[in-house]
Amino acid sequence: LMYRPFLVGRLMVRPERGASTVQENGMQVEIAIQRCLDAARESVQLISSFWAQEQKSMMACWYALYFLFQAVLIPVICLRNDPQCALATGWRDQITQAMNVLESMTRLNPTASRCLGVIRSLCGSYFDPSVDGWGPTEESPQTQLANLYPLMWPTLEMAQLDGTDSTL
């Protein structure tokens, strides 16, 4: 999570929007971005493996869902903003793996269905084999951040709207 702002910042200032990436960011930022990508990939793999092998309880589902959704947002953001990247196949694989786990979680936690719906709405078209030559999303960086912010940083208001605890 702490490396995610570096990744999001780089993707929101794509070269076709008039910015150079490596020269302006510096090597430290590139290292932070790579760590973010690696941590997200590892989280998706480990949570998926855990969910496939362990006894499925509501508590395990709650924790796995929270961390899996946070992790899968990384490849979702990357795929939407740079679908022609050499890493895009790996991002699609991570997203597919996470979606399969989320699908299996829906019977224990209805929020898994909502998370699955969000992922499908954000990047479903990037999985459509009939699309020839995916391009980056046409959404402005500001719109993307505004739409993703509540997903990346859940707030008390979201918990209240979700109906999880009426006393909050």
Protein backbone atom coordinates (compact mmCIF):
# COMPACT_ATOMS: atom_id res chain seq x y z
CA LEU A 1 0.00 0.00 0.00
CA MET A 2 2.78 2.44 0.78
CA TYR A 3 4.29 2.07 -2.71
CA ARG A 4 0.95 2.44 -4.54
CA PRO A 5 1.04 6.28 -4.80
CA PHE A 6 4.27 6.04 -6.84
CA LEU A 7 2.68 3.62 -9.30
CA VAL A 8 -0.55 5.59 -9.59
CA GLY A 9 1.40 8.80 -10.06
CA ARG A 10 3.43 7.32 -12.90
CA LEU A 11 0.38 5.90 -14.66
CA MET A 12 -1.56 9.11 -14.37
CA VAL A 13 1.23 11.02 -16.10
CA ARG A 14 1.68 8.84 -19.17
CA PRO A 15 4.17 9.80 -21.88
CA GLU A 16 1.37 10.61 -24.34
CA ARG A 17 0.16 13.19 -21.83
CA GLY A 18 3.47 14.99 -22.23
CA ALA A 19 5.69 13.57 -19.48
CA SER A 20 8.72 11.38 -19.46
CA THR A 21 8.75 8.64 -16.84
CA VAL A 22 12.19 7.45 -15.83
CA GLN A 23 14.08 10.72 -16.25
CA GLU A 24 11.63 12.77 -14.18
CA ASN A 25 10.91 10.10 -11.56
CA GLY A 26 14.38 8.95 -10.71
CA MET A 27 15.62 5.50 -9.90
CA GLN A 28 14.20 5.45 -6.36
CA VAL A 29 10.68 5.95 -7.67
CA GLU A 30 11.17 3.19 -10.24
CA ILE A 31 12.29 0.86 -7.44
CA ALA A 32 9.20 1.79 -5.41
CA ILE A 33 6.98 1.09 -8.43
CA GLN A 34 8.59 -2.31 -8.98
CA ARG A 35 8.13 -3.16 -5.31
CA CYS A 36 4.46 -2.21 -5.60
CA LEU A 37 3.97 -4.47 -8.64
CA ASP A 38 5.85 -7.32 -6.97
CA ALA A 39 3.93 -7.02 -3.70
CA ALA A 40 0.58 -6.95 -5.50
CA ARG A 41 1.47 -10.03 -7.57
CA GLU A 42 2.72 -11.89 -4.53
CA SER A 43 -0.37 -10.95 -2.50
CA VAL A 44 -2.73 -12.20 -5.20
CA GLN A 45 -0.80 -15.46 -5.48
CA LEU A 46 -0.50 -16.08 -1.73
CA ILE A 47 -4.11 -15.21 -0.93
CA SER A 48 -5.33 -17.34 -3.84
CA SER A 49 -3.22 -20.25 -2.66
CA PHE A 50 -4.39 -19.83 0.93
CA TRP A 51 -8.03 -19.68 -0.14
CA ALA A 52 -7.69 -22.82 -2.25
CA GLN A 53 -6.03 -24.85 0.50
CA GLU A 54 -7.43 -23.69 3.83
CA GLN A 55 -10.75 -24.19 5.51
CA LYS A 56 -12.98 -21.33 4.48
CA SER A 57 -14.41 -19.38 7.41
CA MET A 58 -16.14 -16.02 7.50
CA MET A 59 -13.20 -14.43 9.32
CA ALA A 60 -10.65 -15.79 6.83
CA CYS A 61 -12.90 -14.60 4.02
CA TRP A 62 -13.12 -11.10 5.45
CA TYR A 63 -9.36 -10.70 5.76
CA ALA A 64 -8.59 -12.38 2.45
CA LEU A 65 -11.19 -10.27 0.66
CA TYR A 66 -9.86 -7.01 2.03
CA PHE A 67 -6.23 -7.69 1.14
CA LEU A 68 -6.99 -9.40 -2.16
CA PHE A 69 -9.11 -6.50 -3.38
CA GLN A 70 -6.44 -3.97 -2.41
CA ALA A 71 -3.78 -6.04 -4.19
CA VAL A 72 -5.77 -6.64 -7.39
CA LEU A 73 -6.42 -2.92 -7.81
CA ILE A 74 -2.75 -2.59 -8.79
CA PRO A 75 -2.91 -4.76 -11.93
CA VAL A 76 -6.37 -3.35 -12.69
CA ILE A 77 -5.02 0.21 -12.69
CA CYS A 78 -1.99 -0.86 -14.73
CA LEU A 79 -4.02 -2.76 -17.32
CA ARG A 80 -6.47 0.10 -17.79
CA ASN A 81 -3.70 2.63 -18.31
CA ASP A 82 -1.14 0.61 -20.25
CA PRO A 83 -2.83 -2.43 -21.85
CA GLN A 84 -0.09 -2.82 -24.47
CA CYS A 85 2.69 -3.10 -21.89
CA ALA A 86 4.81 -6.25 -21.94
CA LEU A 87 3.53 -6.95 -18.39
CA ALA A 88 -0.16 -6.82 -19.43
CA THR A 89 -0.49 -10.60 -19.81
CA GLY A 90 0.71 -11.06 -16.24
CA TRP A 91 -1.72 -8.38 -15.04
CA ARG A 92 -4.59 -10.17 -16.78
CA ASP A 93 -3.54 -13.44 -15.15
CA GLN A 94 -3.46 -11.80 -11.71
CA ILE A 95 -6.87 -10.24 -12.23
CA THR A 96 -8.34 -13.53 -13.45
CA GLN A 97 -6.87 -15.39 -10.48
CA ALA A 98 -8.28 -12.81 -8.05
CA MET A 99 -11.68 -12.87 -9.76
CA ASN A 100 -11.85 -16.65 -9.39
CA VAL A 101 -11.15 -16.36 -5.67
CA LEU A 102 -13.66 -13.55 -5.27
CA GLU A 103 -16.26 -15.66 -7.05
CA SER A 104 -15.73 -18.47 -4.57
CA MET A 105 -15.97 -16.03 -1.65
CA THR A 106 -19.41 -14.73 -2.57
CA ARG A 107 -21.27 -17.38 -0.60
CA LEU A 108 -19.50 -16.35 2.62
CA ASN A 109 -19.33 -12.61 2.11
CA PRO A 110 -21.72 -10.61 -0.12
CA THR A 111 -19.13 -7.85 -0.40
CA ALA A 112 -17.08 -10.21 -2.58
CA SER A 113 -19.82 -9.90 -5.22
CA ARG A 114 -19.53 -6.13 -5.10
CA CYS A 115 -15.75 -6.28 -5.42
CA LEU A 116 -16.07 -8.67 -8.33
CA GLY A 117 -18.53 -6.31 -10.01
CA VAL A 118 -16.17 -3.37 -9.56
CA ILE A 119 -13.29 -5.29 -11.14
CA ARG A 120 -15.44 -6.43 -14.05
CA SER A 121 -16.70 -2.91 -14.67
CA LEU A 122 -13.20 -1.42 -14.51
CA CYS A 123 -11.41 -3.85 -16.79
CA GLY A 124 -13.91 -6.25 -18.33
CA SER A 125 -13.39 -4.82 -21.80
CA TYR A 126 -9.66 -5.52 -21.52
CA PHE A 127 -10.49 -9.23 -21.41
CA ASP A 128 -12.71 -9.18 -24.50
CA PRO A 129 -10.98 -11.22 -27.23
CA SER A 130 -12.96 -9.45 -29.95
CA VAL A 131 -11.23 -6.15 -29.16
CA ASP A 132 -8.38 -5.58 -31.57
CA GLY A 133 -5.54 -3.56 -30.05
CA TRP A 134 -6.54 -2.29 -26.64
CA GLY A 135 -5.74 1.28 -25.87
CA PRO A 136 -5.42 3.02 -22.54
CA THR A 137 -8.58 4.19 -20.86
CA GLU A 138 -9.97 7.47 -22.10
CA GLU A 139 -10.82 8.59 -18.57
CA SER A 140 -8.85 11.56 -17.36
CA PRO A 141 -6.39 10.94 -14.52
CA GLN A 142 -8.52 13.08 -12.22
CA THR A 143 -11.66 11.03 -12.95
CA GLN A 144 -9.80 7.76 -12.45
CA LEU A 145 -8.40 8.90 -9.12
CA ALA A 146 -11.76 10.23 -7.98
CA ASN A 147 -13.42 6.91 -8.83
CA LEU A 148 -10.66 4.73 -7.39
CA TYR A 149 -9.97 6.72 -4.23
CA PRO A 150 -12.85 5.29 -2.19
CA LEU A 151 -11.89 1.78 -3.31
CA MET A 152 -8.25 2.20 -2.35
CA TRP A 153 -8.84 4.04 0.92
CA PRO A 154 -12.12 2.85 2.48
CA THR A 155 -13.69 5.34 4.82
CA LEU A 156 -16.19 5.28 7.63
CA GLU A 157 -18.84 6.61 5.26
CA MET A 158 -18.40 3.57 3.00
CA ALA A 159 -18.95 1.24 5.96
CA GLN A 160 -22.12 3.10 6.83
CA LEU A 161 -23.38 2.99 3.24
CA ASP A 162 -22.51 -0.68 3.00
CA GLY A 163 -24.82 -1.38 5.91
CA THR A 164 -22.15 -3.23 7.83
CA ASP A 165 -22.83 -1.47 11.12
CA SER A 166 -25.78 0.81 11.63
CA THR A 167 -24.35 2.19 14.88
CA LEU A 168 -21.39 3.79 13.10
